[in-house]
Amino acid sequence: MARVRNPLVAVAAKGKAGTHLTGLITASHLLRELVGAAGP
């Protein structure tokens, strides 16, 4: 069985106090969200 790499992407929020890590998601999940947001 082949292994598939799915790197993690850091999600951060930038505010007056600086940048804070809010979570991690997989790259494929991020792409699905971006494509869905750009849909019709």
C-alpha atoms as a PDB file:
ATOM      1  CA  MET A   1       0.000   0.000   0.000  1.00  0.00           C
ATOM      2  CA  ALA A   2       1.396   3.396  -0.977  1.00  0.00           C
ATOM      3  CA  ARG A   3       1.721   6.131   1.576  1.00  0.00           C
ATOM      4  CA  VAL A   4       0.394   9.554   0.719  1.00  0.00           C
ATOM      5  CA  ARG A   5       1.927  12.637   2.253  1.00  0.00           C
ATOM      6  CA  ASN A   6      -0.463  15.309   3.360  1.00  0.00           C
ATOM      7  CA  PRO A   7       1.458  18.163   4.982  1.00  0.00           C
ATOM      8  CA  LEU A   8       0.006  20.259   7.763  1.00  0.00           C
ATOM      9  CA  VAL A   9      -0.651  23.970   7.352  1.00  0.00           C
ATOM     10  CA  ALA A  10      -0.547  26.357  10.300  1.00  0.00           C
ATOM     11  CA  VAL A  11      -3.555  28.659  10.706  1.00  0.00           C
ATOM     12  CA  ALA A  12      -2.710  31.934  12.417  1.00  0.00           C
ATOM     13  CA  ALA A  13      -4.570  35.061  13.467  1.00  0.00           C
ATOM     14  CA  LYS A  14      -2.875  38.438  13.376  1.00  0.00           C
ATOM     15  CA  GLY A  15      -3.945  41.130  15.797  1.00  0.00           C
ATOM     16  CA  LYS A  16      -2.655  44.142  17.697  1.00  0.00           C
ATOM     17  CA  ALA A  17      -0.865  41.886  20.185  1.00  0.00           C
ATOM     18  CA  GLY A  18       0.918  39.958  17.413  1.00  0.00           C
ATOM     19  CA  THR A  19       0.396  36.734  15.532  1.00  0.00           C
ATOM     20  CA  HIS A  20      -1.040  33.686  17.307  1.00  0.00           C
ATOM     21  CA  LEU A  21      -1.308  30.104  16.110  1.00  0.00           C
ATOM     22  CA  THR A  22      -4.973  29.100  16.072  1.00  0.00           C
ATOM     23  CA  GLY A  23      -4.659  25.575  14.714  1.00  0.00           C
ATOM     24  CA  LEU A  24      -3.416  23.125  12.116  1.00  0.00           C
ATOM     25  CA  ILE A  25      -5.189  21.644   9.105  1.00  0.00           C
ATOM     26  CA  THR A  26      -4.071  19.375   6.304  1.00  0.00           C
ATOM     27  CA  ALA A  27      -3.090  20.925   2.991  1.00  0.00           C
ATOM     28  CA  SER A  28      -5.817  18.997   1.153  1.00  0.00           C
ATOM     29  CA  HIS A  29      -8.459  20.300   3.577  1.00  0.00           C
ATOM     30  CA  LEU A  30      -7.230  23.867   3.041  1.00  0.00           C
ATOM     31  CA  LEU A  31      -7.445  23.439  -0.743  1.00  0.00           C
ATOM     32  CA  ARG A  32     -10.997  22.074  -0.493  1.00  0.00           C
ATOM     33  CA  GLU A  33     -12.008  25.093   1.614  1.00  0.00           C
ATOM     34  CA  LEU A  34     -10.410  27.566  -0.792  1.00  0.00           C
ATOM     35  CA  VAL A  35     -11.960  25.959  -3.868  1.00  0.00           C
ATOM     36  CA  GLY A  36     -15.354  25.846  -2.146  1.00  0.00           C
ATOM     37  CA  ALA A  37     -15.105  29.532  -1.222  1.00  0.00           C
ATOM     38  CA  ALA A  38     -14.279  30.470  -4.823  1.00  0.00           C
ATOM     39  CA  GLY A  39     -17.191  28.466  -6.240  1.00  0.00           C
ATOM     40  CA  PRO A  40     -20.279  29.875  -7.963  1.00  0.00           C
END
